[in-house]
N, C-alpha and C. Protein backbone atom coordinates (compact mmCIF):
# COMPACT_ATOMS: atom_id res chain seq x y z
N MET A 1 0.66 -1.50 0.07
CA MET A 1 -0.28 -0.22 0.07
C MET A 1 0.79 1.56 0.09
N ASP A 2 0.28 2.07 -1.17
CA ASP A 2 1.85 3.42 -1.21
C ASP A 2 0.74 3.80 -0.52
N TRP A 3 1.46 5.49 0.17
CA TRP A 3 1.25 6.32 1.03
C TRP A 3 0.17 7.17 0.93
N LYS A 4 -0.55 7.41 -0.36
CA LYS A 4 -1.84 7.82 -0.65
C LYS A 4 -3.06 7.05 0.00
N SER A 5 -2.89 5.96 -0.42
CA SER A 5 -3.69 5.03 -0.03
C SER A 5 -3.86 4.58 1.51
N ALA A 6 -2.53 4.49 1.92
CA ALA A 6 -2.37 4.30 3.83
C ALA A 6 -3.26 5.94 4.29
N VAL A 7 -3.16 6.46 3.61
CA VAL A 7 -3.82 8.11 4.41
C VAL A 7 -5.25 7.67 3.72
N LYS A 8 -5.44 7.65 3.06
CA LYS A 8 -7.07 7.60 2.17
C LYS A 8 -7.43 6.31 3.30
N TYR A 9 -6.91 5.08 3.31
CA TYR A 9 -7.39 4.39 4.22
C TYR A 9 -7.62 5.01 5.76
N ARG A 10 -6.87 5.54 6.29
CA ARG A 10 -7.20 6.05 7.58
C ARG A 10 -8.15 6.86 8.09
N LEU A 11 -7.93 8.20 7.06
CA LEU A 11 -9.36 8.64 7.03
C LEU A 11 -11.01 8.13 7.15
N ILE A 12 -11.02 6.85 5.83
CA ILE A 12 -12.06 6.30 6.03
C ILE A 12 -12.38 5.49 7.31
N VAL A 13 -11.50 5.08 8.07
CA VAL A 13 -11.15 4.32 8.92
C VAL A 13 -12.19 5.59 10.02
N ARG A 14 -11.25 6.58 10.32
CA ARG A 14 -12.14 7.48 11.15
C ARG A 14 -13.44 8.25 10.92
N LEU A 15 -13.81 7.88 9.44
CA LEU A 15 -14.98 8.77 9.18
C LEU A 15 -16.25 7.57 9.76
N PHE A 16 -15.68 5.79 9.53
CA PHE A 16 -16.76 4.75 10.15
C PHE A 16 -16.40 5.26 11.54
N CYS A 17 -15.80 5.42 12.21
CA CYS A 17 -15.96 5.61 13.59
C CYS A 17 -16.88 7.01 14.04
N LEU A 18 -16.24 8.18 13.75
CA LEU A 18 -17.37 9.14 13.74
C LEU A 18 -18.94 8.44 13.64
N ALA A 19 -19.29 7.84 12.25
CA ALA A 19 -20.51 7.77 11.89
C ALA A 19 -21.00 6.81 13.15
N ALA A 20 -19.69 5.59 13.70
CA ALA A 20 -20.61 4.88 14.66
C ALA A 20 -20.85 5.45 15.38
N TRP A 21 -19.83 6.31 16.31
CA TRP A 21 -20.42 7.25 17.28
C TRP A 21 -22.01 7.91 17.37
N ALA A 22 -22.09 9.02 16.15
CA ALA A 22 -23.25 9.57 15.85
C ALA A 22 -24.34 8.61 15.98
N ALA A 23 -24.33 7.76 15.24
CA ALA A 23 -25.35 6.53 15.78
C ALA A 23 -25.63 5.57 17.03
N LEU A 24 -24.69 5.93 17.73
CA LEU A 24 -25.23 4.90 19.18
C LEU A 24 -26.08 5.82 19.58
N PRO A 25 -27.20 5.36 21.18
CA PRO A 25 -28.26 5.62 21.55
C PRO A 25 -27.36 5.68 22.94
N SER A 26 -27.66 6.54 23.66
CA SER A 26 -27.21 7.04 24.93
C SER A 26 -27.75 5.93 25.70
N ALA A 27 -27.37 5.27 25.92
CA ALA A 27 -27.92 3.65 27.09
C ALA A 27 -27.56 4.20 28.23
N HIS A 28 -26.75 4.76 28.78
CA HIS A 28 -26.19 5.17 29.96
C HIS A 28 -26.52 6.77 30.48
N ALA A 29 -27.14 7.20 29.89
CA ALA A 29 -27.19 8.78 30.02
C ALA A 29 -28.22 9.05 31.29
N GLY A 30 -27.54 10.05 32.10
CA GLY A 30 -28.20 10.32 33.10
C GLY A 30 -28.24 9.30 34.84
N GLY A 31 -27.50 7.96 33.99
CA GLY A 31 -27.97 6.42 34.74
C GLY A 31 -26.68 6.91 35.99
N ALA A 32 -26.62 6.38 37.06
CA ALA A 32 -25.87 6.49 37.96
C ALA A 32 -24.49 5.21 37.80
N GLU A 33 -23.22 5.73 37.91
CA GLU A 33 -22.45 4.68 37.85
C GLU A 33 -21.55 3.77 38.93
N PRO A 34 -21.91 2.80 38.75
CA PRO A 34 -21.98 1.52 39.69
C PRO A 34 -19.87 1.76 40.27
N PRO A 35 -20.15 1.51 41.61
CA PRO A 35 -18.59 1.65 41.92
C PRO A 35 -17.66 0.30 40.93
N ALA A 36 -16.32 1.03 40.86
CA ALA A 36 -15.35 0.25 40.12
C ALA A 36 -15.48 -1.26 40.28
N ALA A 37 -15.54 -1.47 41.21
CA ALA A 37 -14.80 -2.69 42.88
C ALA A 37 -16.52 -3.72 41.91
N VAL A 38 -17.26 -3.10 41.81
CA VAL A 38 -18.87 -3.74 41.32
C VAL A 38 -18.81 -4.72 40.28
N LEU A 39 -18.25 -3.63 39.36
CA LEU A 39 -17.93 -3.76 37.60
C LEU A 39 -16.89 -5.07 37.56
N HIS A 40 -15.64 -5.14 38.18
CA HIS A 40 -14.54 -6.03 38.57
C HIS A 40 -15.24 -7.40 38.81
N GLU A 41 -16.02 -6.82 40.42
CA GLU A 41 -16.55 -8.57 40.66
C GLU A 41 -17.46 -9.16 39.83
N ARG A 42 -18.38 -8.23 38.72
CA ARG A 42 -19.23 -9.13 38.06
C ARG A 42 -18.57 -9.75 36.74
N LEU A 43 -17.23 -9.37 36.59
CA LEU A 43 -16.44 -9.37 35.63
C LEU A 43 -15.53 -10.92 35.92
N THR A 44 -15.65 -10.95 37.04
CA THR A 44 -14.45 -12.01 37.51
C THR A 44 -15.99 -13.19 38.07
N ARG A 45 -17.05 -12.87 37.89
CA ARG A 45 -18.02 -13.79 38.35
C ARG A 45 -18.67 -14.23 37.02
N LEU A 46 -18.39 -13.65 36.53
CA LEU A 46 -18.64 -14.17 34.56
C LEU A 46 -17.96 -15.19 34.02
N ALA A 47 -16.43 -14.65 34.07
CA ALA A 47 -15.40 -15.36 33.75
C ALA A 47 -15.13 -16.81 34.53
N ALA A 48 -15.80 -16.74 35.73
CA ALA A 48 -15.29 -18.32 36.13
C ALA A 48 -16.67 -19.44 36.38
N SER A 49 -17.63 -18.59 36.06
CA SER A 49 -19.15 -18.92 35.44
C SER A 49 -19.35 -19.97 34.11
N PRO A 50 -19.63 -21.20 34.04
CA PRO A 50 -19.30 -21.82 32.84
C PRO A 50 -20.90 -21.90 32.12
N ALA A 51 -22.25 -21.66 32.89
CA ALA A 51 -23.27 -20.99 32.64
C ALA A 51 -23.75 -19.83 32.27
N GLU A 52 -22.62 -18.76 32.79
CA GLU A 52 -22.96 -17.12 32.24
C GLU A 52 -21.85 -16.65 31.11
N LEU A 53 -20.60 -17.63 31.36
CA LEU A 53 -19.77 -16.71 30.15
C LEU A 53 -20.12 -16.99 28.58
N PRO A 54 -20.84 -17.71 28.22
CA PRO A 54 -21.26 -17.70 26.71
C PRO A 54 -22.21 -17.09 26.63
N ALA A 55 -22.89 -16.53 27.29
CA ALA A 55 -23.98 -15.67 27.09
C ALA A 55 -23.28 -14.11 27.19
N ALA A 56 -22.40 -14.47 27.81
CA ALA A 56 -21.86 -12.70 28.13
C ALA A 56 -21.00 -12.44 27.19
N LEU A 57 -19.91 -13.21 26.31
CA LEU A 57 -19.21 -13.14 25.48
C LEU A 57 -19.79 -12.77 24.25
N ARG A 58 -21.52 -13.46 24.02
CA ARG A 58 -22.13 -13.22 22.62
C ARG A 58 -22.49 -11.74 22.79
N ARG A 59 -22.67 -11.53 24.22
CA ARG A 59 -23.34 -9.90 24.27
C ARG A 59 -22.10 -9.14 24.18
N GLY A 60 -20.80 -9.21 24.23
CA GLY A 60 -19.52 -8.70 24.47
C GLY A 60 -19.58 -8.56 22.51
N GLN A 61 -19.73 -9.50 22.36
CA GLN A 61 -19.39 -9.25 20.99
C GLN A 61 -20.04 -8.35 20.15
N ALA A 62 -21.39 -8.33 20.69
CA ALA A 62 -22.42 -7.38 19.82
C ALA A 62 -22.33 -6.31 20.36
N ALA A 63 -21.87 -6.07 21.41
CA ALA A 63 -21.49 -4.67 21.89
C ALA A 63 -20.03 -3.90 21.38
N ALA A 64 -19.50 -5.21 21.35
CA ALA A 64 -18.00 -4.61 21.01
C ALA A 64 -18.02 -4.35 18.90
N SER A 65 -19.17 -4.21 18.76
CA SER A 65 -18.70 -3.68 17.03
C SER A 65 -18.92 -2.03 16.81
N VAL A 66 -19.04 -1.62 17.63
CA VAL A 66 -18.75 -0.04 17.75
C VAL A 66 -16.91 0.19 17.43
N CYS A 67 -16.40 -0.94 18.12
CA CYS A 67 -14.60 -0.58 18.17
C CYS A 67 -14.02 -1.36 16.77
N ARG A 68 -14.84 -1.81 16.72
CA ARG A 68 -14.40 -2.77 15.31
C ARG A 68 -13.29 -1.98 14.10
N HIS A 69 -14.42 -0.41 13.73
CA HIS A 69 -14.28 -0.13 13.06
C HIS A 69 -12.42 0.64 13.01
N CYS A 70 -12.35 1.07 14.18
CA CYS A 70 -10.95 1.53 14.46
C CYS A 70 -9.54 0.16 15.27
N HIS A 71 -10.03 -0.15 15.88
CA HIS A 71 -9.21 -1.43 16.40
C HIS A 71 -9.16 -2.59 15.86
N GLY A 72 -9.94 -2.82 14.86
CA GLY A 72 -10.02 -3.78 14.16
C GLY A 72 -10.99 -5.31 14.58
N PRO A 73 -11.37 -5.87 13.58
CA PRO A 73 -12.26 -7.18 14.14
C PRO A 73 -11.67 -7.99 14.83
N GLY A 74 -12.86 -8.69 16.29
CA GLY A 74 -11.48 -9.03 16.51
C GLY A 74 -10.56 -8.06 17.73
N GLY A 75 -10.99 -6.89 17.71
CA GLY A 75 -9.65 -6.10 18.49
C GLY A 75 -8.18 -5.86 17.83
N ASN A 76 -7.57 -7.02 16.74
CA ASN A 76 -6.74 -6.68 16.00
C ASN A 76 -6.79 -5.75 15.17
N SER A 77 -6.06 -4.34 15.66
CA SER A 77 -6.06 -3.19 14.56
C SER A 77 -4.93 -2.97 13.23
N ALA A 78 -5.61 -2.65 12.65
CA ALA A 78 -4.87 -2.72 11.36
C ALA A 78 -4.09 -0.84 11.42
N LEU A 79 -4.20 -0.41 11.84
CA LEU A 79 -3.88 1.22 11.99
C LEU A 79 -2.49 1.20 13.20
N PRO A 80 -1.43 1.43 12.34
CA PRO A 80 -0.03 1.28 13.63
C PRO A 80 -0.44 2.07 14.51
N GLU A 81 -1.28 3.46 14.52
CA GLU A 81 -0.96 4.07 15.86
C GLU A 81 -2.42 4.03 16.27
N VAL A 82 -3.08 2.58 16.13
CA VAL A 82 -4.03 2.25 16.97
C VAL A 82 -4.03 0.92 17.96
N PRO A 83 -3.93 0.68 18.95
CA PRO A 83 -3.92 -0.54 19.80
C PRO A 83 -4.62 -1.94 19.44
N ASN A 84 -4.03 -2.73 19.36
CA ASN A 84 -4.61 -4.29 19.66
C ASN A 84 -5.17 -4.40 21.07
N LEU A 85 -6.58 -5.19 20.76
CA LEU A 85 -7.17 -4.95 22.44
C LEU A 85 -7.40 -6.79 22.15
N ALA A 86 -7.15 -7.05 21.19
CA ALA A 86 -7.51 -9.06 21.20
C ALA A 86 -6.42 -9.31 22.65
N SER A 87 -6.55 -10.44 23.12
CA SER A 87 -5.97 -10.56 24.05
C SER A 87 -5.45 -10.05 25.46
N GLN A 88 -5.77 -8.79 25.17
CA GLN A 88 -5.56 -8.06 25.93
C GLN A 88 -6.14 -8.14 27.76
N ASN A 89 -6.02 -8.02 28.34
CA ASN A 89 -5.84 -8.96 30.32
C ASN A 89 -7.37 -7.76 30.49
N ALA A 90 -7.97 -8.58 31.02
CA ALA A 90 -9.94 -8.20 31.36
C ALA A 90 -9.79 -7.01 31.63
N ASP A 91 -9.22 -7.31 33.40
CA ASP A 91 -9.59 -6.22 34.24
C ASP A 91 -8.71 -5.52 33.66
N TYR A 92 -7.71 -4.79 33.02
CA TYR A 92 -7.13 -3.75 32.44
C TYR A 92 -8.15 -3.29 31.79
N LEU A 93 -8.68 -3.81 30.62
CA LEU A 93 -9.17 -3.04 29.23
C LEU A 93 -10.51 -2.51 30.64
N LEU A 94 -11.52 -3.46 31.26
CA LEU A 94 -12.57 -2.72 31.68
C LEU A 94 -12.40 -1.55 32.65
N GLU A 95 -11.20 -1.54 33.26
CA GLU A 95 -10.88 -0.69 34.21
C GLU A 95 -10.47 0.93 33.62
N GLN A 96 -9.76 0.47 31.95
CA GLN A 96 -9.47 1.60 30.88
C GLN A 96 -10.60 2.03 30.40
N MET A 97 -11.81 1.40 30.37
CA MET A 97 -12.94 1.72 29.97
C MET A 97 -13.81 2.84 30.77
N ASN A 98 -13.98 2.52 32.06
CA ASN A 98 -13.95 2.77 33.08
C ASN A 98 -13.57 4.62 33.57
N LYS A 99 -12.33 4.26 32.96
CA LYS A 99 -11.27 5.98 33.17
C LYS A 99 -11.83 6.86 32.38
N PHE A 100 -12.30 6.55 31.17
CA PHE A 100 -12.96 7.11 29.67
C PHE A 100 -14.14 7.72 30.61
N VAL A 101 -15.05 6.60 30.73
CA VAL A 101 -16.81 7.59 31.78
C VAL A 101 -16.25 8.33 32.32
N LEU A 102 -15.69 8.06 33.41
CA LEU A 102 -15.10 9.08 34.69
C LEU A 102 -14.19 10.45 34.37
N GLY A 103 -14.02 10.29 33.02
CA GLY A 103 -12.98 11.44 32.68
C GLY A 103 -11.56 11.03 32.94
N THR A 104 -10.95 10.56 33.96
CA THR A 104 -9.36 10.28 34.15
C THR A 104 -9.00 9.87 33.19
N ARG A 105 -8.92 9.29 31.94
CA ARG A 105 -8.29 9.01 31.10
C ARG A 105 -9.29 10.15 29.39
N LYS A 106 -8.46 10.31 28.86
CA LYS A 106 -8.74 11.17 27.69
C LYS A 106 -8.29 10.59 26.53
N SER A 107 -8.92 10.85 25.60
CA SER A 107 -8.49 10.42 24.32
C SER A 107 -9.56 11.25 22.82
N SER A 108 -10.06 10.68 22.40
CA SER A 108 -11.07 11.86 20.83
C SER A 108 -11.61 12.14 21.57
N ASP A 109 -12.80 13.02 21.63
CA ASP A 109 -14.36 12.73 21.50
C ASP A 109 -15.19 11.53 21.30
N PHE A 110 -15.38 11.35 20.13
CA PHE A 110 -15.57 9.77 19.51
C PHE A 110 -15.81 8.78 20.43
N MET A 111 -14.00 8.62 20.83
CA MET A 111 -13.87 7.58 21.60
C MET A 111 -14.42 7.26 22.67
N THR A 112 -13.96 9.00 23.70
CA THR A 112 -15.49 9.01 25.01
C THR A 112 -16.77 8.95 24.74
N GLY A 113 -17.18 9.56 23.72
CA GLY A 113 -18.55 9.19 23.51
C GLY A 113 -19.15 7.81 23.04
N MET A 114 -18.49 6.82 22.04
CA MET A 114 -18.45 5.94 22.16
C MET A 114 -18.57 5.31 23.58
N ILE A 115 -17.75 5.15 24.34
CA ILE A 115 -17.47 4.27 25.77
C ILE A 115 -18.95 4.44 26.84
N ARG A 116 -19.63 6.11 26.64
CA ARG A 116 -19.95 6.45 27.57
C ARG A 116 -21.42 6.41 27.04
N ALA A 117 -21.60 5.72 25.88
CA ALA A 117 -23.09 5.42 25.65
C ALA A 117 -22.64 3.99 25.88
N LEU A 118 -21.75 3.55 26.10
CA LEU A 118 -22.63 2.06 26.59
C LEU A 118 -23.12 1.73 28.22
N THR A 119 -23.50 0.73 28.44
CA THR A 119 -23.64 0.80 29.99
C THR A 119 -22.88 -0.28 30.66
N PRO A 120 -22.89 -0.24 31.82
CA PRO A 120 -21.54 -0.67 32.56
C PRO A 120 -21.71 -2.62 32.36
N GLU A 121 -23.03 -2.55 32.12
CA GLU A 121 -22.44 -4.14 32.21
C GLU A 121 -22.32 -4.57 30.61
N GLU A 122 -22.54 -3.59 29.55
CA GLU A 122 -22.04 -3.78 28.40
C GLU A 122 -20.49 -3.94 28.43
N ARG A 123 -19.78 -2.63 29.18
CA ARG A 123 -18.24 -2.48 29.70
C ARG A 123 -17.88 -4.05 29.79
N VAL A 124 -18.27 -4.31 30.90
CA VAL A 124 -17.77 -5.67 31.55
C VAL A 124 -17.70 -6.59 30.25
N ASP A 125 -18.45 -7.26 29.61
CA ASP A 125 -18.93 -8.21 28.56
C ASP A 125 -18.12 -7.97 27.25
N ILE A 126 -18.01 -6.39 26.73
CA ILE A 126 -17.03 -6.32 26.02
C ILE A 126 -15.48 -6.25 26.17
N ALA A 127 -14.58 -6.31 27.84
CA ALA A 127 -13.36 -6.68 28.38
C ALA A 127 -13.49 -8.29 28.43
N LEU A 128 -14.50 -8.73 28.52
CA LEU A 128 -14.25 -10.18 28.40
C LEU A 128 -14.25 -11.24 27.36
N PHE A 129 -14.99 -10.09 26.30
CA PHE A 129 -15.17 -10.80 24.85
C PHE A 129 -13.43 -10.26 23.99
N LEU A 130 -12.92 -9.38 24.50
CA LEU A 130 -11.84 -8.88 23.67
C LEU A 130 -10.93 -9.89 24.33
N SER A 131 -10.83 -9.86 25.62
CA SER A 131 -9.99 -10.57 26.07
C SER A 131 -9.53 -11.94 25.81
N ARG A 132 -10.53 -12.67 25.07
CA ARG A 132 -10.48 -14.03 24.61
C ARG A 132 -10.54 -14.32 23.03
N GLN A 133 -9.70 -13.27 22.56
CA GLN A 133 -9.69 -13.08 20.76
C GLN A 133 -8.21 -13.32 20.31
N PRO A 134 -7.87 -14.42 20.10
CA PRO A 134 -6.24 -14.24 19.36
C PRO A 134 -6.29 -13.36 18.68
N VAL A 135 -4.49 -13.07 18.54
CA VAL A 135 -4.16 -12.19 18.48
C VAL A 135 -3.49 -12.27 17.15
N ALA A 136 -3.47 -11.61 15.71
CA ALA A 136 -3.31 -11.85 14.88
C ALA A 136 -1.98 -11.67 14.68
N TYR A 137 -0.95 -12.05 15.28
CA TYR A 137 0.64 -11.86 15.39
C TYR A 137 1.08 -11.51 14.34
N ALA A 138 1.73 -10.46 13.43
CA ALA A 138 2.27 -10.61 12.98
C ALA A 138 2.99 -9.06 12.92
N PRO A 139 4.62 -9.60 13.90
CA PRO A 139 5.16 -8.47 13.88
C PRO A 139 5.81 -7.45 12.96
N ALA A 140 5.64 -6.26 13.22
CA ALA A 140 6.32 -5.07 11.56
C ALA A 140 7.68 -4.89 11.55
N ALA A 141 8.63 -5.33 12.78
CA ALA A 141 10.31 -5.23 12.44
C ALA A 141 10.43 -6.39 13.64
N ARG A 142 11.68 -6.69 13.23
CA ARG A 142 12.73 -7.82 14.11
C ARG A 142 12.75 -6.96 15.53
N GLY A 143 12.86 -7.62 16.53
CA GLY A 143 13.22 -7.53 17.85
C GLY A 143 14.60 -6.56 18.05
N SER A 144 14.55 -6.07 19.20
CA SER A 144 16.21 -5.54 19.41
C SER A 144 16.29 -5.84 20.71
N ASP A 145 17.84 -6.08 20.72
CA ASP A 145 18.65 -6.55 22.01
C ASP A 145 18.84 -5.44 22.78
N ALA A 146 18.77 -4.12 21.91
CA ALA A 146 19.17 -3.18 23.34
C ALA A 146 17.59 -2.88 23.87
N GLY A 147 16.61 -3.05 22.92
CA GLY A 147 14.94 -2.70 23.57
C GLY A 147 15.10 -4.10 24.88
N ARG A 148 15.49 -5.21 24.89
CA ARG A 148 15.24 -5.97 26.12
C ARG A 148 15.63 -6.13 26.35
N ALA A 149 16.88 -5.45 26.69
CA ALA A 149 17.67 -5.10 27.40
C ALA A 149 17.24 -3.86 28.52
N LEU A 150 16.81 -3.18 28.05
CA LEU A 150 16.08 -1.87 28.88
C LEU A 150 14.79 -2.57 29.14
N PHE A 151 14.39 -3.63 28.58
CA PHE A 151 13.07 -3.48 28.96
C PHE A 151 13.16 -4.67 30.15
N GLY A 152 14.08 -5.43 30.31
CA GLY A 152 14.52 -6.14 31.62
C GLY A 152 15.02 -5.18 32.90
N GLN A 153 15.50 -4.02 32.63
CA GLN A 153 15.77 -3.02 33.48
C GLN A 153 14.89 -2.42 33.77
N LEU A 154 13.74 -2.10 33.37
CA LEU A 154 12.60 -1.38 33.44
C LEU A 154 11.30 -1.45 33.48
N CYS A 155 11.21 -2.58 32.58
CA CYS A 155 9.68 -3.04 32.46
C CYS A 155 9.11 -4.19 33.61
N ALA A 156 10.07 -5.29 33.34
CA ALA A 156 9.96 -6.39 33.23
C ALA A 156 9.26 -6.89 34.71
N LYS A 157 9.22 -5.88 35.80
CA LYS A 157 8.88 -5.89 37.27
C LYS A 157 7.61 -6.09 37.55
N CYS A 158 7.13 -4.94 35.95
CA CYS A 158 5.20 -4.87 36.75
C CYS A 158 4.62 -5.82 35.30
N HIS A 159 5.51 -5.22 33.93
CA HIS A 159 4.82 -6.06 33.04
C HIS A 159 5.06 -7.41 32.98
N GLY A 160 5.99 -8.23 33.74
CA GLY A 160 6.11 -9.78 33.19
C GLY A 160 7.19 -9.89 32.66
N ASP A 161 8.00 -10.91 32.86
CA ASP A 161 9.34 -11.35 31.81
C ASP A 161 8.81 -11.25 30.25
N ALA A 162 7.56 -11.92 30.12
CA ALA A 162 7.26 -11.92 28.63
C ALA A 162 6.21 -11.06 28.43
N ALA A 163 5.91 -9.61 29.44
CA ALA A 163 5.53 -8.69 28.84
C ALA A 163 3.66 -8.75 28.54
N ALA A 164 3.22 -10.00 29.53
CA ALA A 164 2.18 -10.42 29.65
C ALA A 164 1.44 -9.66 30.33
N GLY A 165 1.71 -8.79 31.33
CA GLY A 165 1.05 -8.08 32.48
C GLY A 165 0.67 -8.72 33.62
N SER A 166 -0.61 -8.16 34.04
CA SER A 166 -1.57 -8.86 35.04
C SER A 166 -2.89 -8.39 34.71
N HIS A 167 -3.41 -8.37 36.26
CA HIS A 167 -5.22 -8.22 35.76
C HIS A 167 -5.19 -6.63 35.58
N ARG A 168 -4.41 -5.89 35.91
CA ARG A 168 -4.73 -4.39 35.57
C ARG A 168 -3.79 -3.89 35.16
N ILE A 169 -2.40 -4.87 34.78
CA ILE A 169 -1.30 -4.00 33.58
C ILE A 169 -1.33 -4.60 32.51
N PRO A 170 -1.11 -4.23 31.51
CA PRO A 170 -1.58 -4.36 30.04
C PRO A 170 -0.44 -5.25 29.67
N ARG A 171 -0.74 -6.57 28.78
CA ARG A 171 0.03 -6.99 28.35
C ARG A 171 0.39 -6.19 27.09
N LEU A 172 1.86 -6.03 26.80
CA LEU A 172 2.60 -5.42 25.59
C LEU A 172 3.17 -6.48 24.53
N ALA A 173 3.18 -7.51 24.78
CA ALA A 173 3.92 -8.51 24.35
C ALA A 173 2.86 -8.21 22.83
N GLY A 174 3.59 -8.27 21.67
CA GLY A 174 2.22 -7.74 19.93
C GLY A 174 2.09 -7.15 19.69
N GLN A 175 1.79 -5.80 20.63
CA GLN A 175 1.18 -4.80 20.55
C GLN A 175 1.86 -3.98 19.44
N GLN A 176 1.22 -3.01 18.60
CA GLN A 176 1.00 -2.48 17.78
C GLN A 176 2.66 -1.42 17.98
N MET A 177 3.74 -1.32 17.06
CA MET A 177 4.66 -0.94 17.33
C MET A 177 4.89 0.68 17.36
N LYS A 178 4.12 1.19 16.78
CA LYS A 178 3.76 3.06 16.51
C LYS A 178 3.09 3.54 17.54
N TYR A 179 2.33 2.62 18.24
CA TYR A 179 1.31 3.00 19.37
C TYR A 179 2.23 3.19 20.92
N LEU A 180 2.96 1.74 20.66
CA LEU A 180 3.87 1.75 21.82
C LEU A 180 4.86 2.84 22.06
N GLU A 181 5.47 3.27 20.41
CA GLU A 181 6.56 4.35 20.62
C GLU A 181 5.74 5.85 20.81
N ASP A 182 4.38 6.23 20.64
CA ASP A 182 3.71 7.23 21.18
C ASP A 182 3.47 6.88 22.14
N SER A 183 2.72 5.83 23.02
CA SER A 183 2.59 6.06 24.29
C SER A 183 3.85 6.34 25.14
N LEU A 184 5.38 5.73 25.01
CA LEU A 184 6.62 6.39 26.12
C LEU A 184 6.48 7.62 25.49
N LYS A 185 6.58 8.08 24.43
CA LYS A 185 7.00 9.03 24.52
C LYS A 185 6.04 10.17 25.09
N ARG A 186 4.27 9.88 25.27
CA ARG A 186 3.51 10.48 25.77
C ARG A 186 3.85 10.54 27.60
N TYR A 187 4.13 9.51 27.70
CA TYR A 187 4.13 9.02 29.07
C TYR A 187 5.95 9.97 29.38
N ARG A 188 6.71 10.08 28.98
CA ARG A 188 7.99 10.50 28.97
C ARG A 188 8.04 12.36 29.11
N SER A 189 6.77 12.88 28.35
CA SER A 189 6.43 14.22 28.48
C SER A 189 5.70 14.50 29.50
N GLY A 190 4.95 13.73 30.28
CA GLY A 190 4.29 14.09 31.32
C GLY A 190 3.42 14.72 30.95
N MET A 191 2.50 14.95 29.76
CA MET A 191 1.82 16.57 29.19
C MET A 191 0.59 14.96 27.94
N GLY A 192 -0.43 16.12 27.78
CA GLY A 192 -1.43 15.31 26.98
C GLY A 192 -2.54 14.04 28.24
N GLU A 193 -3.20 12.85 27.19
CA GLU A 193 -3.87 12.00 28.01
C GLU A 193 -3.22 10.88 28.74
N ARG A 194 -1.77 10.88 28.73
CA ARG A 194 -1.12 9.93 29.53
C ARG A 194 -0.57 9.93 30.43
N LEU A 195 -1.04 10.45 31.30
CA LEU A 195 -0.30 10.83 32.75
C LEU A 195 -0.42 9.89 33.80
N ASP A 196 0.83 9.27 34.00
CA ASP A 196 1.31 8.42 34.85
C ASP A 196 2.67 8.77 35.26
N PRO A 197 2.50 8.71 37.19
CA PRO A 197 3.72 9.57 37.59
C PRO A 197 5.13 8.48 37.12
N MET A 198 4.42 6.68 37.59
CA MET A 198 5.36 5.87 37.69
C MET A 198 6.05 5.95 36.43
N MET A 199 5.03 5.85 34.90
CA MET A 199 5.39 5.38 33.91
C MET A 199 6.51 6.65 33.46
N ALA A 200 5.71 8.00 34.10
CA ALA A 200 6.93 9.28 33.95
C ALA A 200 8.50 9.32 33.99
N ALA A 201 8.25 8.27 35.55
CA ALA A 201 10.37 8.38 36.16
C ALA A 201 10.54 7.40 35.35
N TYR A 202 9.66 6.24 35.20
CA TYR A 202 10.67 5.15 34.23
C TYR A 202 11.06 5.63 32.93
N THR A 203 10.44 6.26 32.37
CA THR A 203 10.64 6.95 30.74
C THR A 203 11.30 8.24 30.65
N ARG A 204 11.42 8.99 31.89
CA ARG A 204 12.01 10.21 31.94
C ARG A 204 13.27 10.51 30.68
N ASN A 205 13.89 9.46 31.33
CA ASN A 205 15.53 9.73 30.94
C ASN A 205 15.75 8.87 29.78
N LEU A 206 14.66 8.24 28.78
CA LEU A 206 14.97 7.60 27.58
C LEU A 206 15.23 8.60 26.65
N GLU A 207 15.95 8.16 25.76
CA GLU A 207 16.27 9.04 24.08
C GLU A 207 15.09 8.46 23.42
N ASP A 208 15.03 9.01 22.30
CA ASP A 208 14.28 8.80 21.18
C ASP A 208 14.48 7.00 20.81
N THR A 209 16.17 7.06 20.52
CA THR A 209 16.28 5.58 20.33
C THR A 209 15.82 4.32 21.35
N ASP A 210 16.25 5.06 22.70
CA ASP A 210 15.68 3.79 23.57
C ASP A 210 14.25 3.38 23.14
N ILE A 211 13.36 4.42 23.18
CA ILE A 211 11.99 4.20 22.99
C ILE A 211 11.98 3.45 21.74
N LEU A 212 12.46 3.50 21.13
CA LEU A 212 12.04 2.82 19.73
C LEU A 212 12.65 1.58 19.32
N ALA A 213 14.08 1.28 20.22
CA ALA A 213 14.23 -0.22 20.53
C ALA A 213 13.40 -0.97 21.35
N LEU A 214 12.57 -0.10 22.77
CA LEU A 214 11.98 -0.81 23.29
C LEU A 214 10.46 -1.11 22.47
N ALA A 215 10.35 -0.28 21.92
CA ALA A 215 9.18 -0.62 21.11
C ALA A 215 9.30 -1.53 19.78
N ALA A 216 10.27 -1.84 19.49
CA ALA A 216 10.58 -2.74 18.42
C ALA A 216 10.76 -4.30 19.16
N HIS A 217 10.92 -4.29 20.06
CA HIS A 217 11.45 -5.36 21.21
C HIS A 217 9.70 -6.18 21.40
N LEU A 218 9.04 -5.10 21.73
CA LEU A 218 8.16 -5.38 22.55
C LEU A 218 7.00 -5.96 21.31
N ALA A 219 6.97 -5.38 20.47
CA ALA A 219 6.39 -5.34 19.04
C ALA A 219 6.87 -6.85 18.51
N ALA A 220 7.60 -7.24 18.54
CA ALA A 220 8.09 -8.67 18.25
C ALA A 220 7.39 -9.58 19.06
N LEU A 221 7.67 -9.28 19.97
CA LEU A 221 7.13 -10.62 20.97
C LEU A 221 6.16 -11.36 20.96
N ARG A 222 5.85 -12.71 21.20
CA ARG A 222 4.46 -13.55 20.72
C ARG A 222 3.45 -13.36 21.85
N PRO A 223 2.46 -12.95 21.38
CA PRO A 223 1.35 -12.82 22.68
C PRO A 223 1.57 -13.92 23.47
């Protein structure tokens, strides 16, 4: 795909996203937001229930249709700056959606609007569904020895040796390289939509070449 086709494709995807947001009903408008702990308890219960999980996954697949235009079918993004959601940790996905609803995480207006239009129960179902979708593993670049060393020094303690994360910490293995690079630079700057004191401290002294090496290492890891 040449650069003109790539730009055209990205514009079309964004227009689809805007159209999807505009078409959504305000499912949760005016409703009281349940405590986050209640939603995470619901997620844990459904995940452990053979009787309830299949229906929750079907509901999640239907509700996640609003996500596919940007994040791709099954949560596998076709846009390098948009993250894959497939196989992401369910509690982490739910926590991030809750943050969009509460305004503690910010992105584009249509992203915030789409998530706020979902009911709390739909957010739980989406998190369950996406967490169980396979990653279309296709690393854009070879791994980096320098990135592997930096990851071991700075990231593995929280994200795990295999970059799989945990309940509330995201999986980074197999993530979009451009998205990882952009996110690390935003954390380093301490400005914009990604504010996190711990991440800012760990990224503060990274050069652009360090960030590129880290992103290359993580994107090349098999999820």
